[in-house]
Amino acid sequence: TKEDGFPEGGFKKEFILIGCHRTGESIAFSLPKEKLLIIDFDPDVISYLKQRGYDYIFGDVSDREVMEKANFGLARLVISTSPDLEDNLTLLTAIKSMSKKPKIILRADTEKEAEILYKAGTDYVLLPNFTAGQYLGKTIAIDPDMEILRELKRSDLNLIRKIGFE
């Protein structure tokens, strides 16, 4: 690595996660650490990631240097958990202009924002209430005896115990 802490030529990660608080944190713990780059501008989150050995960039994704160091064009998937519609549209525009485009998942706070992001070309829009409801509904539908609830509970409790920077 160079003196700024970035690998020579920037990162080459399969997954780029923008925002690692709450929703982002759950996503981060579910993806392979060695394939994940996290971008966040909260110093507490960065400290937490550093302690746990995650690759990260401290900064704002709208900063061109951050975009260059992250190498978005080399990723397979970019996920933004930021609820800011304008930031997400700016990110989407930047990614769509690349010759090699990763899939992109962007978060929305409302159904109207989700429609805007889909019309702009987002591969999937994360609406936390929709996504959680669909996941639970499908889980119950495939397991009518609800045996899966015990496994989900165990998994969630393990995740809750891992989390702890708030």
C-alpha atoms as a PDB file:
ATOM      1  CA  THR A   1       0.000   0.000   0.000  1.00  0.00           C
ATOM      2  CA  LYS A   2       0.992   3.590  -0.488  1.00  0.00           C
ATOM      3  CA  GLU A   3       1.478   6.113   2.301  1.00  0.00           C
ATOM      4  CA  ASP A   4      -2.185   7.198   2.174  1.00  0.00           C
ATOM      5  CA  GLY A   5      -3.259   3.681   3.187  1.00  0.00           C
ATOM      6  CA  PHE A   6      -4.863   2.822  -0.162  1.00  0.00           C
ATOM      7  CA  PRO A   7      -3.591  -0.037  -2.296  1.00  0.00           C
ATOM      8  CA  GLU A   8      -1.582   1.018  -5.341  1.00  0.00           C
ATOM      9  CA  GLY A   9      -4.123   1.697  -8.092  1.00  0.00           C
ATOM     10  CA  GLY A  10      -7.012   1.788  -5.616  1.00  0.00           C
ATOM     11  CA  PHE A  11      -9.247  -0.993  -4.362  1.00  0.00           C
ATOM     12  CA  LYS A  12     -10.422  -3.931  -6.436  1.00  0.00           C
ATOM     13  CA  LYS A  13     -13.458  -5.266  -4.596  1.00  0.00           C
ATOM     14  CA  GLU A  14     -16.489  -7.193  -5.788  1.00  0.00           C
ATOM     15  CA  PHE A  15     -18.874  -5.322  -3.490  1.00  0.00           C
ATOM     16  CA  ILE A  16     -18.883  -1.630  -2.583  1.00  0.00           C
ATOM     17  CA  LEU A  17     -21.147  -0.568   0.273  1.00  0.00           C
ATOM     18  CA  ILE A  18     -21.831   3.111   0.810  1.00  0.00           C
ATOM     19  CA  GLY A  19     -22.985   3.789   4.344  1.00  0.00           C
ATOM     20  CA  CYS A  20     -22.409   1.296   7.125  1.00  0.00           C
ATOM     21  CA  HIS A  21     -24.856   2.334   9.801  1.00  0.00           C
ATOM     22  CA  ARG A  22     -27.945   0.283  10.693  1.00  0.00           C
ATOM     23  CA  THR A  23     -29.027  -1.243   7.360  1.00  0.00           C
ATOM     24  CA  GLY A  24     -25.509  -1.021   5.947  1.00  0.00           C
ATOM     25  CA  GLU A  25     -24.072  -2.738   8.970  1.00  0.00           C
ATOM     26  CA  SER A  26     -26.392  -5.728   8.541  1.00  0.00           C
ATOM     27  CA  ILE A  27     -25.427  -5.929   4.872  1.00  0.00           C
ATOM     28  CA  ALA A  28     -21.709  -5.694   5.683  1.00  0.00           C
ATOM     29  CA  PHE A  29     -21.880  -8.563   8.182  1.00  0.00           C
ATOM     30  CA  SER A  30     -23.649 -10.706   5.578  1.00  0.00           C
ATOM     31  CA  LEU A  31     -21.078 -10.271   2.772  1.00  0.00           C
ATOM     32  CA  PRO A  32     -17.590 -11.806   2.590  1.00  0.00           C
ATOM     33  CA  LYS A  33     -15.252  -9.320   4.267  1.00  0.00           C
ATOM     34  CA  GLU A  34     -12.419  -9.922   1.782  1.00  0.00           C
ATOM     35  CA  LYS A  35     -14.663  -8.968  -1.162  1.00  0.00           C
ATOM     36  CA  LEU A  36     -16.149  -5.845   0.443  1.00  0.00           C
ATOM     37  CA  LEU A  37     -15.152  -2.176   0.428  1.00  0.00           C
ATOM     38  CA  ILE A  38     -17.097   0.199   2.666  1.00  0.00           C
ATOM     39  CA  ILE A  39     -17.312   3.953   2.114  1.00  0.00           C
ATOM     40  CA  ASP A  40     -18.510   6.072   5.027  1.00  0.00           C
ATOM     41  CA  PHE A  41     -17.939   9.582   6.353  1.00  0.00           C
ATOM     42  CA  ASP A  42     -18.759   8.925  10.022  1.00  0.00           C
ATOM     43  CA  PRO A  43     -15.503   8.719  12.041  1.00  0.00           C
ATOM     44  CA  ASP A  44     -17.128   6.405  14.621  1.00  0.00           C
ATOM     45  CA  VAL A  45     -18.183   3.967  11.908  1.00  0.00           C
ATOM     46  CA  ILE A  46     -14.693   4.091  10.365  1.00  0.00           C
ATOM     47  CA  SER A  47     -13.076   3.396  13.742  1.00  0.00           C
ATOM     48  CA  TYR A  48     -15.414   0.427  14.208  1.00  0.00           C
ATOM     49  CA  LEU A  49     -14.599  -0.923  10.725  1.00  0.00           C
ATOM     50  CA  LYS A  50     -10.866  -0.461  11.252  1.00  0.00           C
ATOM     51  CA  GLN A  51     -10.989  -2.433  14.543  1.00  0.00           C
ATOM     52  CA  ARG A  52     -12.758  -5.299  12.767  1.00  0.00           C
ATOM     53  CA  GLY A  53     -10.433  -5.456   9.771  1.00  0.00           C
ATOM     54  CA  TYR A  54     -12.743  -4.175   7.043  1.00  0.00           C
ATOM     55  CA  ASP A  55     -11.404  -2.366   3.986  1.00  0.00           C
ATOM     56  CA  TYR A  56     -12.835   1.134   3.978  1.00  0.00           C
ATOM     57  CA  ILE A  57     -12.548   4.635   2.590  1.00  0.00           C
ATOM     58  CA  PHE A  58     -13.278   7.525   4.915  1.00  0.00           C
ATOM     59  CA  GLY A  59     -15.042  10.144   2.857  1.00  0.00           C
ATOM     60  CA  ASP A  60     -18.031  11.141   0.793  1.00  0.00           C
ATOM     61  CA  VAL A  61     -18.869   9.202  -2.340  1.00  0.00           C
ATOM     62  CA  SER A  62     -19.497  12.498  -4.164  1.00  0.00           C
ATOM     63  CA  ASP A  63     -15.747  13.240  -3.832  1.00  0.00           C
ATOM     64  CA  ARG A  64     -14.050  12.317  -7.115  1.00  0.00           C
ATOM     65  CA  GLU A  65     -10.928  11.009  -5.345  1.00  0.00           C
ATOM     66  CA  VAL A  66     -13.097   8.615  -3.302  1.00  0.00           C
ATOM     67  CA  MET A  67     -14.738   7.371  -6.516  1.00  0.00           C
ATOM     68  CA  GLU A  68     -11.313   6.851  -8.128  1.00  0.00           C
ATOM     69  CA  LYS A  69      -9.828   4.989  -5.129  1.00  0.00           C
ATOM     70  CA  ALA A  70     -12.919   2.754  -4.873  1.00  0.00           C
ATOM     71  CA  ASN A  71     -12.726   1.711  -8.553  1.00  0.00           C
ATOM     72  CA  PHE A  72     -16.493   1.385  -8.998  1.00  0.00           C
ATOM     73  CA  GLY A  73     -15.979   0.057 -12.522  1.00  0.00           C
ATOM     74  CA  LEU A  74     -14.258  -3.057 -11.122  1.00  0.00           C
ATOM     75  CA  ALA A  75     -17.087  -3.921  -8.706  1.00  0.00           C
ATOM     76  CA  ARG A  76     -19.901  -6.368  -9.460  1.00  0.00           C
ATOM     77  CA  LEU A  77     -22.337  -4.633  -7.107  1.00  0.00           C
ATOM     78  CA  VAL A  78     -22.629  -1.196  -5.508  1.00  0.00           C
ATOM     79  CA  ILE A  79     -25.055  -0.699  -2.619  1.00  0.00           C
ATOM     80  CA  SER A  80     -25.924   2.690  -1.163  1.00  0.00           C
ATOM     81  CA  THR A  81     -27.830   2.714   2.112  1.00  0.00           C
ATOM     82  CA  SER A  82     -28.004   6.514   2.094  1.00  0.00           C
ATOM     83  CA  PRO A  83     -31.613   7.699   2.087  1.00  0.00           C
ATOM     84  CA  ASP A  84     -30.617  10.923   0.252  1.00  0.00           C
ATOM     85  CA  LEU A  85     -32.361  10.852  -3.138  1.00  0.00           C
ATOM     86  CA  GLU A  86     -30.155  13.482  -4.801  1.00  0.00           C
ATOM     87  CA  ASP A  87     -26.932  11.767  -3.658  1.00  0.00           C
ATOM     88  CA  ASN A  88     -28.213   8.436  -4.953  1.00  0.00           C
ATOM     89  CA  LEU A  89     -29.219   9.928  -8.321  1.00  0.00           C
ATOM     90  CA  THR A  90     -25.772  11.536  -8.628  1.00  0.00           C
ATOM     91  CA  LEU A  91     -24.117   8.192  -7.833  1.00  0.00           C
ATOM     92  CA  LEU A  92     -26.342   6.391 -10.343  1.00  0.00           C
ATOM     93  CA  THR A  93     -25.485   8.917 -13.075  1.00  0.00           C
ATOM     94  CA  ALA A  94     -21.756   8.514 -12.394  1.00  0.00           C
ATOM     95  CA  ILE A  95     -21.969   4.712 -12.525  1.00  0.00           C
ATOM     96  CA  LYS A  96     -24.124   4.701 -15.675  1.00  0.00           C
ATOM     97  CA  SER A  97     -21.426   6.742 -17.461  1.00  0.00           C
ATOM     98  CA  MET A  98     -18.778   4.049 -16.835  1.00  0.00           C
ATOM     99  CA  SER A  99     -17.829   1.621 -19.588  1.00  0.00           C
ATOM    100  CA  LYS A 100     -18.115  -1.355 -17.217  1.00  0.00           C
ATOM    101  CA  LYS A 101     -21.139  -0.944 -14.967  1.00  0.00           C
ATOM    102  CA  PRO A 102     -21.747  -2.818 -11.726  1.00  0.00           C
ATOM    103  CA  LYS A 103     -25.268  -3.679 -10.619  1.00  0.00           C
ATOM    104  CA  ILE A 104     -26.579  -1.000  -8.281  1.00  0.00           C
ATOM    105  CA  ILE A 105     -28.889  -1.109  -5.281  1.00  0.00           C
ATOM    106  CA  LEU A 106     -29.998   2.245  -3.876  1.00  0.00           C
ATOM    107  CA  ARG A 107     -32.077   3.010  -0.819  1.00  0.00           C
ATOM    108  CA  ALA A 108     -35.238   5.086  -0.886  1.00  0.00           C
ATOM    109  CA  ASP A 109     -37.363   6.361   1.975  1.00  0.00           C
ATOM    110  CA  THR A 110     -40.660   6.510   0.118  1.00  0.00           C
ATOM    111  CA  GLU A 111     -42.447   4.647  -2.640  1.00  0.00           C
ATOM    112  CA  LYS A 112     -42.308   7.822  -4.782  1.00  0.00           C
ATOM    113  CA  GLU A 113     -38.503   7.978  -4.420  1.00  0.00           C
ATOM    114  CA  ALA A 114     -38.308   4.284  -5.299  1.00  0.00           C
ATOM    115  CA  GLU A 115     -40.209   4.959  -8.536  1.00  0.00           C
ATOM    116  CA  ILE A 116     -37.825   7.810  -9.385  1.00  0.00           C
ATOM    117  CA  LEU A 117     -34.771   5.596  -8.772  1.00  0.00           C
ATOM    118  CA  TYR A 118     -36.213   2.731 -10.830  1.00  0.00           C
ATOM    119  CA  LYS A 119     -37.021   5.090 -13.725  1.00  0.00           C
ATOM    120  CA  ALA A 120     -33.438   6.398 -13.543  1.00  0.00           C
ATOM    121  CA  GLY A 121     -32.090   2.853 -14.023  1.00  0.00           C
ATOM    122  CA  THR A 122     -31.439   1.427 -10.560  1.00  0.00           C
ATOM    123  CA  ASP A 123     -31.281  -2.396 -10.575  1.00  0.00           C
ATOM    124  CA  TYR A 124     -33.001  -2.675  -7.192  1.00  0.00           C
ATOM    125  CA  VAL A 125     -34.347  -0.137  -4.727  1.00  0.00           C
ATOM    126  CA  LEU A 126     -34.071  -0.935  -1.047  1.00  0.00           C
ATOM    127  CA  LEU A 127     -37.160   0.219   0.808  1.00  0.00           C
ATOM    128  CA  PRO A 128     -36.400  -1.152   4.280  1.00  0.00           C
ATOM    129  CA  ASN A 129     -40.060  -1.669   5.249  1.00  0.00           C
ATOM    130  CA  PHE A 130     -40.867  -3.393   1.928  1.00  0.00           C
ATOM    131  CA  THR A 131     -37.744  -5.518   1.915  1.00  0.00           C
ATOM    132  CA  ALA A 132     -38.199  -6.682   5.506  1.00  0.00           C
ATOM    133  CA  GLY A 133     -41.873  -7.482   4.933  1.00  0.00           C
ATOM    134  CA  GLN A 134     -41.211  -9.386   1.712  1.00  0.00           C
ATOM    135  CA  TYR A 135     -38.381 -11.367   3.288  1.00  0.00           C
ATOM    136  CA  LEU A 136     -40.469 -12.378   6.276  1.00  0.00           C
ATOM    137  CA  GLY A 137     -43.550 -13.122   4.159  1.00  0.00           C
ATOM    138  CA  LYS A 138     -41.616 -15.342   1.740  1.00  0.00           C
ATOM    139  CA  THR A 139     -39.847 -17.074   4.622  1.00  0.00           C
ATOM    140  CA  ILE A 140     -43.145 -17.945   6.289  1.00  0.00           C
ATOM    141  CA  ALA A 141     -44.688 -19.006   2.963  1.00  0.00           C
ATOM    142  CA  ILE A 142     -41.962 -21.594   2.294  1.00  0.00           C
ATOM    143  CA  ASP A 143     -42.063 -22.876   5.879  1.00  0.00           C
ATOM    144  CA  PRO A 144     -45.722 -23.024   6.992  1.00  0.00           C
ATOM    145  CA  ASP A 145     -44.734 -24.755  10.258  1.00  0.00           C
ATOM    146  CA  MET A 146     -42.488 -21.751  10.929  1.00  0.00           C
ATOM    147  CA  GLU A 147     -39.533 -23.853  12.019  1.00  0.00           C
ATOM    148  CA  ILE A 148     -37.352 -21.232  10.307  1.00  0.00           C
ATOM    149  CA  LEU A 149     -38.198 -18.672  13.004  1.00  0.00           C
ATOM    150  CA  ARG A 150     -35.841 -20.398  15.448  1.00  0.00           C
ATOM    151  CA  GLU A 151     -32.989 -20.146  12.917  1.00  0.00           C
ATOM    152  CA  LEU A 152     -33.807 -16.521  12.090  1.00  0.00           C
ATOM    153  CA  LYS A 153     -33.852 -15.685  15.796  1.00  0.00           C
ATOM    154  CA  ARG A 154     -30.463 -17.342  16.328  1.00  0.00           C
ATOM    155  CA  SER A 155     -29.004 -15.587  13.309  1.00  0.00           C
ATOM    156  CA  ASP A 156     -30.379 -12.177  14.333  1.00  0.00           C
ATOM    157  CA  LEU A 157     -29.129 -12.543  17.906  1.00  0.00           C
ATOM    158  CA  ASN A 158     -25.646 -13.409  16.619  1.00  0.00           C
ATOM    159  CA  LEU A 159     -25.712 -10.312  14.423  1.00  0.00           C
ATOM    160  CA  ILE A 160     -26.959  -8.124  17.277  1.00  0.00           C
ATOM    161  CA  ARG A 161     -24.072  -9.352  19.460  1.00  0.00           C
ATOM    162  CA  LYS A 162     -21.536  -8.502  16.713  1.00  0.00           C
ATOM    163  CA  ILE A 163     -22.888  -4.975  16.399  1.00  0.00           C
ATOM    164  CA  GLY A 164     -21.872  -2.504  19.013  1.00  0.00           C
ATOM    165  CA  PHE A 165     -20.571   0.899  17.972  1.00  0.00           C
ATOM    166  CA  GLU A 166     -23.633   2.940  18.949  1.00  0.00           C
END
